[in-house]
Amino acid sequence: MNKVIAFNKLLLLGFWLVFTVNIFMPLAGAADQWVMLIGLAMLIVHLIEFFVMRKRLQSHGHSGLMNFAWVMLFGLFYWKPLLRD
């Protein structure tokens, strides 16, 4: 299961890289719009996810700014293993 989580984190990191590059150098065709829409939707979902899970993360000692950044990058692939331990 850890390999699946690591692979998904790698995919998300790759997507965020494409999203960031797309901001400064838009992709050709309709791809730039799709990447922007999906990226903005994921940012909103991860933000909501952080505020919903914030109390549980605090109770496990994971409430700092770095934890916010990790949740914004990886979402449940970051916090789910933390709360399982």
PDB file of N, CA and C in Angstrom:
ATOM      1  N   MET A   1       0.817  -1.198   0.000  1.00  0.00           N
ATOM      2  CA  MET A   1       0.000   0.000   0.000  1.00  0.00           C
ATOM      3  C   MET A   1       0.862   1.264   0.000  1.00  0.00           C
ATOM      4  N   ASN A   2       2.006   1.217   0.681  1.00  0.00           N
ATOM      5  CA  ASN A   2       2.886   2.381   0.704  1.00  0.00           C
ATOM      6  C   ASN A   2       3.402   2.724  -0.685  1.00  0.00           C
ATOM      7  N   LYS A   3       3.597   1.712  -1.538  1.00  0.00           N
ATOM      8  CA  LYS A   3       4.054   1.970  -2.906  1.00  0.00           C
ATOM      9  C   LYS A   3       2.962   2.669  -3.711  1.00  0.00           C
ATOM     10  N   VAL A   4       1.721   2.310  -3.464  1.00  0.00           N
ATOM     11  CA  VAL A   4       0.596   2.954  -4.156  1.00  0.00           C
ATOM     12  C   VAL A   4       0.512   4.418  -3.750  1.00  0.00           C
ATOM     13  N   ILE A   5       0.641   4.682  -2.455  1.00  0.00           N
ATOM     14  CA  ILE A   5       0.593   6.061  -1.972  1.00  0.00           C
ATOM     15  C   ILE A   5       1.769   6.857  -2.537  1.00  0.00           C
ATOM     16  N   ALA A   6       2.956   6.277  -2.537  1.00  0.00           N
ATOM     17  CA  ALA A   6       4.135   6.958  -3.081  1.00  0.00           C
ATOM     18  C   ALA A   6       3.964   7.244  -4.572  1.00  0.00           C
ATOM     19  N   PHE A   7       3.414   6.296  -5.307  1.00  0.00           N
ATOM     20  CA  PHE A   7       3.182   6.497  -6.743  1.00  0.00           C
ATOM     21  C   PHE A   7       2.171   7.610  -6.976  1.00  0.00           C
ATOM     22  N   ASN A   8       1.102   7.640  -6.191  1.00  0.00           N
ATOM     23  CA  ASN A   8       0.096   8.695  -6.333  1.00  0.00           C
ATOM     24  C   ASN A   8       0.661  10.064  -5.952  1.00  0.00           C
ATOM     25  N   LYS A   9       1.514  10.107  -4.939  1.00  0.00           N
ATOM     26  CA  LYS A   9       2.162  11.366  -4.579  1.00  0.00           C
ATOM     27  C   LYS A   9       3.039  11.852  -5.724  1.00  0.00           C
ATOM     28  N   LEU A  10       3.741  10.941  -6.365  1.00  0.00           N
ATOM     29  CA  LEU A  10       4.589  11.300  -7.499  1.00  0.00           C
ATOM     30  C   LEU A  10       3.745  11.840  -8.656  1.00  0.00           C
ATOM     31  N   LEU A  11       2.618  11.201  -8.925  1.00  0.00           N
ATOM     32  CA  LEU A  11       1.717  11.687  -9.972  1.00  0.00           C
ATOM     33  C   LEU A  11       1.184  13.081  -9.650  1.00  0.00           C
ATOM     34  N   LEU A  12       0.782  13.291  -8.395  1.00  0.00           N
ATOM     35  CA  LEU A  12       0.287  14.612  -7.997  1.00  0.00           C
ATOM     36  C   LEU A  12       1.375  15.674  -8.103  1.00  0.00           C
ATOM     37  N   LEU A  13       2.578  15.323  -7.700  1.00  0.00           N
ATOM     38  CA  LEU A  13       3.679  16.262  -7.809  1.00  0.00           C
ATOM     39  C   LEU A  13       3.930  16.627  -9.270  1.00  0.00           C
ATOM     40  N   GLY A  14       3.850  15.638 -10.151  1.00  0.00           N
ATOM     41  CA  GLY A  14       3.984  15.894 -11.581  1.00  0.00           C
ATOM     42  C   GLY A  14       2.879  16.798 -12.101  1.00  0.00           C
ATOM     43  N   PHE A  15       1.658  16.568 -11.634  1.00  0.00           N
ATOM     44  CA  PHE A  15       0.546  17.424 -12.061  1.00  0.00           C
ATOM     45  C   PHE A  15       0.765  18.855 -11.591  1.00  0.00           C
ATOM     46  N   TRP A  16       1.186  19.028 -10.325  1.00  0.00           N
ATOM     47  CA  TRP A  16       1.396  20.387  -9.822  1.00  0.00           C
ATOM     48  C   TRP A  16       2.524  21.078 -10.577  1.00  0.00           C
ATOM     49  N   LEU A  17       3.505  20.326 -11.027  1.00  0.00           N
ATOM     50  CA  LEU A  17       4.569  20.903 -11.838  1.00  0.00           C
ATOM     51  C   LEU A  17       4.010  21.388 -13.179  1.00  0.00           C
ATOM     52  N   VAL A  18       3.194  20.557 -13.823  1.00  0.00           N
ATOM     53  CA  VAL A  18       2.562  20.951 -15.092  1.00  0.00           C
ATOM     54  C   VAL A  18       1.658  22.159 -14.874  1.00  0.00           C
ATOM     55  N   PHE A  19       0.914  22.176 -13.776  1.00  0.00           N
ATOM     56  CA  PHE A  19       0.023  23.293 -13.444  1.00  0.00           C
ATOM     57  C   PHE A  19       0.820  24.590 -13.294  1.00  0.00           C
ATOM     58  N   THR A  20       1.932  24.529 -12.572  1.00  0.00           N
ATOM     59  CA  THR A  20       2.758  25.711 -12.347  1.00  0.00           C
ATOM     60  C   THR A  20       3.379  26.203 -13.649  1.00  0.00           C
ATOM     61  N   VAL A  21       3.885  25.292 -14.455  1.00  0.00           N
ATOM     62  CA  VAL A  21       4.460  25.677 -15.747  1.00  0.00           C
ATOM     63  C   VAL A  21       3.375  26.278 -16.638  1.00  0.00           C
ATOM     64  N   ASN A  22       2.171  25.725 -16.580  1.00  0.00           N
ATOM     65  CA  ASN A  22       1.056  26.212 -17.399  1.00  0.00           C
ATOM     66  C   ASN A  22       0.682  27.651 -17.043  1.00  0.00           C
ATOM     67  N   ILE A  23       0.903  28.042 -15.819  1.00  0.00           N
ATOM     68  CA  ILE A  23       0.597  29.431 -15.423  1.00  0.00           C
ATOM     69  C   ILE A  23       1.501  30.398 -16.171  1.00  0.00           C
ATOM     70  N   PHE A  24       2.782  30.057 -16.294  1.00  0.00           N
ATOM     71  CA  PHE A  24       3.745  30.965 -16.911  1.00  0.00           C
ATOM     72  C   PHE A  24       3.895  30.777 -18.416  1.00  0.00           C
ATOM     73  N   MET A  25       3.731  29.538 -18.879  1.00  0.00           N
ATOM     74  CA  MET A  25       3.821  29.245 -20.310  1.00  0.00           C
ATOM     75  C   MET A  25       2.647  28.337 -20.676  1.00  0.00           C
ATOM     76  N   PRO A  26       1.514  28.928 -21.052  1.00  0.00           N
ATOM     77  CA  PRO A  26       0.317  28.116 -21.324  1.00  0.00           C
ATOM     78  C   PRO A  26       0.558  27.042 -22.386  1.00  0.00           C
ATOM     79  N   LEU A  27      -0.030  25.886 -22.148  1.00  0.00           N
ATOM     80  CA  LEU A  27       0.061  24.782 -23.090  1.00  0.00           C
ATOM     81  C   LEU A  27      -0.741  25.104 -24.344  1.00  0.00           C
ATOM     82  N   ALA A  28      -0.491  24.377 -25.407  1.00  0.00           N
ATOM     83  CA  ALA A  28      -1.166  24.625 -26.678  1.00  0.00           C
ATOM     84  C   ALA A  28      -2.584  24.066 -26.644  1.00  0.00           C
ATOM     85  N   GLY A  29      -3.459  24.711 -27.390  1.00  0.00           N
ATOM     86  CA  GLY A  29      -4.830  24.214 -27.537  1.00  0.00           C
ATOM     87  C   GLY A  29      -5.649  24.369 -26.270  1.00  0.00           C
ATOM     88  N   ALA A  30      -6.574  23.435 -26.106  1.00  0.00           N
ATOM     89  CA  ALA A  30      -7.483  23.479 -24.963  1.00  0.00           C
ATOM     90  C   ALA A  30      -6.860  22.872 -23.714  1.00  0.00           C
ATOM     91  N   ALA A  31      -5.669  22.303 -23.835  1.00  0.00           N
ATOM     92  CA  ALA A  31      -5.021  21.655 -22.690  1.00  0.00           C
ATOM     93  C   ALA A  31      -4.755  22.647 -21.567  1.00  0.00           C
ATOM     94  N   ASP A  32      -4.403  23.884 -21.918  1.00  0.00           N
ATOM     95  CA  ASP A  32      -4.116  24.863 -20.868  1.00  0.00           C
ATOM     96  C   ASP A  32      -5.356  25.156 -20.025  1.00  0.00           C
ATOM     97  N   GLN A  33      -6.518  25.215 -20.652  1.00  0.00           N
ATOM     98  CA  GLN A  33      -7.753  25.468 -19.905  1.00  0.00           C
ATOM     99  C   GLN A  33      -8.098  24.294 -19.007  1.00  0.00           C
ATOM    100  N   TRP A  34      -7.922  23.080 -19.511  1.00  0.00           N
ATOM    101  CA  TRP A  34      -8.226  21.896 -18.706  1.00  0.00           C
ATOM    102  C   TRP A  34      -7.298  21.782 -17.517  1.00  0.00           C
ATOM    103  N   VAL A  35      -6.021  22.029 -17.739  1.00  0.00           N
ATOM    104  CA  VAL A  35      -5.055  21.954 -16.636  1.00  0.00           C
ATOM    105  C   VAL A  35      -5.384  23.011 -15.583  1.00  0.00           C
ATOM    106  N   MET A  36      -5.720  24.214 -16.016  1.00  0.00           N
ATOM    107  CA  MET A  36      -6.072  25.272 -15.065  1.00  0.00           C
ATOM    108  C   MET A  36      -7.344  24.933 -14.299  1.00  0.00           C
ATOM    109  N   LEU A  37      -8.367  24.450 -14.984  1.00  0.00           N
ATOM    110  CA  LEU A  37      -9.622  24.116 -14.304  1.00  0.00           C
ATOM    111  C   LEU A  37      -9.436  22.975 -13.300  1.00  0.00           C
ATOM    112  N   ILE A  38      -8.737  21.953 -13.714  1.00  0.00           N
ATOM    113  CA  ILE A  38      -8.502  20.814 -12.812  1.00  0.00           C
ATOM    114  C   ILE A  38      -7.631  21.249 -11.639  1.00  0.00           C
ATOM    115  N   GLY A  39      -6.600  22.033 -11.896  1.00  0.00           N
ATOM    116  CA  GLY A  39      -5.716  22.506 -10.836  1.00  0.00           C
ATOM    117  C   GLY A  39      -6.436  23.386  -9.831  1.00  0.00           C
ATOM    118  N   LEU A  40      -7.253  24.305 -10.312  1.00  0.00           N
ATOM    119  CA  LEU A  40      -8.007  25.166  -9.397  1.00  0.00           C
ATOM    120  C   LEU A  40      -9.028  24.368  -8.595  1.00  0.00           C
ATOM    121  N   ALA A  41      -9.671  23.402  -9.239  1.00  0.00           N
ATOM    122  CA  ALA A  41     -10.609  22.537  -8.521  1.00  0.00           C
ATOM    123  C   ALA A  41      -9.894  21.736  -7.439  1.00  0.00           C
ATOM    124  N   MET A  42      -8.724  21.215  -7.759  1.00  0.00           N
ATOM    125  CA  MET A  42      -7.955  20.449  -6.766  1.00  0.00           C
ATOM    126  C   MET A  42      -7.497  21.341  -5.617  1.00  0.00           C
ATOM    127  N   LEU A  43      -7.109  22.572  -5.903  1.00  0.00           N
ATOM    128  CA  LEU A  43      -6.727  23.498  -4.838  1.00  0.00           C
ATOM    129  C   LEU A  43      -7.902  23.745  -3.889  1.00  0.00           C
ATOM    130  N   ILE A  44      -9.073  23.955  -4.450  1.00  0.00           N
ATOM    131  CA  ILE A  44     -10.262  24.196  -3.632  1.00  0.00           C
ATOM    132  C   ILE A  44     -10.605  22.962  -2.800  1.00  0.00           C
ATOM    133  N   VAL A  45     -10.562  21.794  -3.419  1.00  0.00           N
ATOM    134  CA  VAL A  45     -10.874  20.553  -2.700  1.00  0.00           C
ATOM    135  C   VAL A  45      -9.860  20.319  -1.580  1.00  0.00           C
ATOM    136  N   HIS A  46      -8.586  20.530  -1.842  1.00  0.00           N
ATOM    137  CA  HIS A  46      -7.566  20.320  -0.817  1.00  0.00           C
ATOM    138  C   HIS A  46      -7.691  21.339   0.307  1.00  0.00           C
ATOM    139  N   LEU A  47      -8.093  22.561  -0.012  1.00  0.00           N
ATOM    140  CA  LEU A  47      -8.304  23.572   1.013  1.00  0.00           C
ATOM    141  C   LEU A  47      -9.466  23.177   1.924  1.00  0.00           C
ATOM    142  N   ILE A  48     -10.559  22.753   1.336  1.00  0.00           N
ATOM    143  CA  ILE A  48     -11.701  22.275   2.120  1.00  0.00           C
ATOM    144  C   ILE A  48     -11.299  21.062   2.951  1.00  0.00           C
ATOM    145  N   GLU A  49     -10.556  20.174   2.337  1.00  0.00           N
ATOM    146  CA  GLU A  49     -10.084  18.961   3.011  1.00  0.00           C
ATOM    147  C   GLU A  49      -9.236  19.310   4.235  1.00  0.00           C
ATOM    148  N   PHE A  50      -8.372  20.314   4.111  1.00  0.00           N
ATOM    149  CA  PHE A  50      -7.542  20.708   5.245  1.00  0.00           C
ATOM    150  C   PHE A  50      -8.400  21.229   6.391  1.00  0.00           C
ATOM    151  N   PHE A  51      -9.368  22.091   6.089  1.00  0.00           N
ATOM    152  CA  PHE A  51     -10.190  22.652   7.151  1.00  0.00           C
ATOM    153  C   PHE A  51     -11.101  21.615   7.798  1.00  0.00           C
ATOM    154  N   VAL A  52     -11.514  20.627   7.036  1.00  0.00           N
ATOM    155  CA  VAL A  52     -12.324  19.547   7.605  1.00  0.00           C
ATOM    156  C   VAL A  52     -11.474  18.662   8.517  1.00  0.00           C
ATOM    157  N   MET A  53     -10.247  18.384   8.136  1.00  0.00           N
ATOM    158  CA  MET A  53      -9.379  17.462   8.882  1.00  0.00           C
ATOM    159  C   MET A  53      -8.461  18.165   9.877  1.00  0.00           C
ATOM    160  N   ARG A  54      -8.520  19.486   9.963  1.00  0.00           N
ATOM    161  CA  ARG A  54      -7.595  20.245  10.799  1.00  0.00           C
ATOM    162  C   ARG A  54      -7.616  19.812  12.262  1.00  0.00           C
ATOM    163  N   LYS A  55      -8.778  19.613  12.838  1.00  0.00           N
ATOM    164  CA  LYS A  55      -8.871  19.218  14.254  1.00  0.00           C
ATOM    165  C   LYS A  55      -8.209  17.863  14.494  1.00  0.00           C
ATOM    166  N   ARG A  56      -8.449  16.914  13.605  1.00  0.00           N
ATOM    167  CA  ARG A  56      -7.833  15.591  13.770  1.00  0.00           C
ATOM    168  C   ARG A  56      -6.322  15.661  13.590  1.00  0.00           C
ATOM    169  N   LEU A  57      -5.862  16.487  12.648  1.00  0.00           N
ATOM    170  CA  LEU A  57      -4.419  16.647  12.463  1.00  0.00           C
ATOM    171  C   LEU A  57      -3.790  17.305  13.693  1.00  0.00           C
ATOM    172  N   GLN A  58      -4.483  18.294  14.273  1.00  0.00           N
ATOM    173  CA  GLN A  58      -3.968  18.943  15.482  1.00  0.00           C
ATOM    174  C   GLN A  58      -3.878  17.962  16.633  1.00  0.00           C
ATOM    175  N   SER A  59      -4.861  17.095  16.753  1.00  0.00           N
ATOM    176  CA  SER A  59      -4.844  16.132  17.857  1.00  0.00           C
ATOM    177  C   SER A  59      -3.698  15.127  17.724  1.00  0.00           C
ATOM    178  N   HIS A  60      -3.185  14.958  16.505  1.00  0.00           N
ATOM    179  CA  HIS A  60      -2.045  14.064  16.286  1.00  0.00           C
ATOM    180  C   HIS A  60      -0.729  14.841  16.178  1.00  0.00           C
ATOM    181  N   GLY A  61      -0.774  16.160  16.444  1.00  0.00           N
ATOM    182  CA  GLY A  61       0.435  16.968  16.434  1.00  0.00           C
ATOM    183  C   GLY A  61       0.903  17.406  15.064  1.00  0.00           C
ATOM    184  N   HIS A  62      -0.003  17.499  14.104  1.00  0.00           N
ATOM    185  CA  HIS A  62       0.349  17.888  12.731  1.00  0.00           C
ATOM    186  C   HIS A  62      -0.494  19.090  12.314  1.00  0.00           C
ATOM    187  N   SER A  63      -0.196  20.255  12.863  1.00  0.00           N
ATOM    188  CA  SER A  63      -1.037  21.412  12.560  1.00  0.00           C
ATOM    189  C   SER A  63      -0.251  22.624  12.073  1.00  0.00           C
ATOM    190  N   GLY A  64       1.007  22.466  11.739  1.00  0.00           N
ATOM    191  CA  GLY A  64       1.829  23.603  11.338  1.00  0.00           C
ATOM    192  C   GLY A  64       1.644  24.001   9.882  1.00  0.00           C
ATOM    193  N   LEU A  65       2.391  25.003   9.498  1.00  0.00           N
ATOM    194  CA  LEU A  65       2.344  25.522   8.129  1.00  0.00           C
ATOM    195  C   LEU A  65       2.832  24.485   7.120  1.00  0.00           C
ATOM    196  N   MET A  66       3.842  23.707   7.505  1.00  0.00           N
ATOM    197  CA  MET A  66       4.341  22.657   6.600  1.00  0.00           C
ATOM    198  C   MET A  66       3.269  21.611   6.348  1.00  0.00           C
ATOM    199  N   ASN A  67       2.508  21.263   7.365  1.00  0.00           N
ATOM    200  CA  ASN A  67       1.440  20.284   7.192  1.00  0.00           C
ATOM    201  C   ASN A  67       0.352  20.826   6.271  1.00  0.00           C
ATOM    202  N   PHE A  68       0.079  22.132   6.370  1.00  0.00           N
ATOM    203  CA  PHE A  68      -0.874  22.752   5.452  1.00  0.00           C
ATOM    204  C   PHE A  68      -0.373  22.630   4.010  1.00  0.00           C
ATOM    205  N   ALA A  69       0.911  22.896   3.810  1.00  0.00           N
ATOM    206  CA  ALA A  69       1.489  22.800   2.461  1.00  0.00           C
ATOM    207  C   ALA A  69       1.410  21.370   1.932  1.00  0.00           C
ATOM    208  N   TRP A  70       1.705  20.370   2.781  1.00  0.00           N
ATOM    209  CA  TRP A  70       1.640  18.976   2.350  1.00  0.00           C
ATOM    210  C   TRP A  70       0.217  18.568   2.002  1.00  0.00           C
ATOM    211  N   VAL A  71      -0.751  19.031   2.783  1.00  0.00           N
ATOM    212  CA  VAL A  71      -2.151  18.709   2.468  1.00  0.00           C
ATOM    213  C   VAL A  71      -2.553  19.371   1.154  1.00  0.00           C
ATOM    214  N   MET A  72      -2.099  20.598   0.923  1.00  0.00           N
ATOM    215  CA  MET A  72      -2.433  21.273  -0.330  1.00  0.00           C
ATOM    216  C   MET A  72      -1.794  20.565  -1.523  1.00  0.00           C
ATOM    217  N   LEU A  73      -0.620  19.976  -1.338  1.00  0.00           N
ATOM    218  CA  LEU A  73       0.033  19.255  -2.436  1.00  0.00           C
ATOM    219  C   LEU A  73      -0.552  17.865  -2.652  1.00  0.00           C
ATOM    220  N   PHE A  74      -0.698  17.105  -1.571  1.00  0.00           N
ATOM    221  CA  PHE A  74      -1.013  15.687  -1.701  1.00  0.00           C
ATOM    222  C   PHE A  74      -2.383  15.279  -1.163  1.00  0.00           C
ATOM    223  N   GLY A  75      -3.061  16.162  -0.446  1.00  0.00           N
ATOM    224  CA  GLY A  75      -4.393  15.838   0.054  1.00  0.00           C
ATOM    225  C   GLY A  75      -4.406  14.635   0.969  1.00  0.00           C
ATOM    226  N   LEU A  76      -5.332  13.745   0.730  1.00  0.00           N
ATOM    227  CA  LEU A  76      -5.495  12.591   1.619  1.00  0.00           C
ATOM    228  C   LEU A  76      -4.317  11.633   1.566  1.00  0.00           C
ATOM    229  N   PHE A  77      -3.528  11.664   0.517  1.00  0.00           N
ATOM    230  CA  PHE A  77      -2.342  10.808   0.469  1.00  0.00           C
ATOM    231  C   PHE A  77      -1.314  11.236   1.519  1.00  0.00           C
ATOM    232  N   TYR A  78      -1.428  12.469   2.014  1.00  0.00           N
ATOM    233  CA  TYR A  78      -0.555  12.914   3.095  1.00  0.00           C
ATOM    234  C   TYR A  78      -1.154  12.610   4.467  1.00  0.00           C
ATOM    235  N   TRP A  79      -2.407  13.053   4.698  1.00  0.00           N
ATOM    236  CA  TRP A  79      -2.937  12.958   6.058  1.00  0.00           C
ATOM    237  C   TRP A  79      -3.490  11.595   6.433  1.00  0.00           C
ATOM    238  N   LYS A  80      -3.964  10.824   5.494  1.00  0.00           N
ATOM    239  CA  LYS A  80      -4.548   9.511   5.827  1.00  0.00           C
ATOM    240  C   LYS A  80      -3.539   8.576   6.510  1.00  0.00           C
ATOM    241  N   PRO A  81      -2.296   8.423   5.981  1.00  0.00           N
ATOM    242  CA  PRO A  81      -1.332   7.571   6.695  1.00  0.00           C
ATOM    243  C   PRO A  81      -0.945   8.134   8.073  1.00  0.00           C
ATOM    244  N   LEU A  82      -0.965   9.461   8.232  1.00  0.00           N
ATOM    245  CA  LEU A  82      -0.624  10.059   9.532  1.00  0.00           C
ATOM    246  C   LEU A  82      -1.648   9.682  10.598  1.00  0.00           C
ATOM    247  N   LEU A  83      -2.906   9.685  10.220  1.00  0.00           N
ATOM    248  CA  LEU A  83      -3.959   9.407  11.185  1.00  0.00           C
ATOM    249  C   LEU A  83      -4.130   7.925  11.429  1.00  0.00           C
ATOM    250  N   ARG A  84      -3.607   7.104  10.550  1.00  0.00           N
ATOM    251  CA  ARG A  84      -3.700   5.649  10.720  1.00  0.00           C
ATOM    252  C   ARG A  84      -2.745   5.159  11.797  1.00  0.00           C
ATOM    253  N   ASP A  85      -1.613   5.867  11.959  1.00  0.00           N
ATOM    254  CA  ASP A  85      -0.595   5.430  12.936  1.00  0.00           C
ATOM    255  C   ASP A  85      -1.047   5.644  14.359  1.00  0.00           C
TER     256      ASP A  85
END
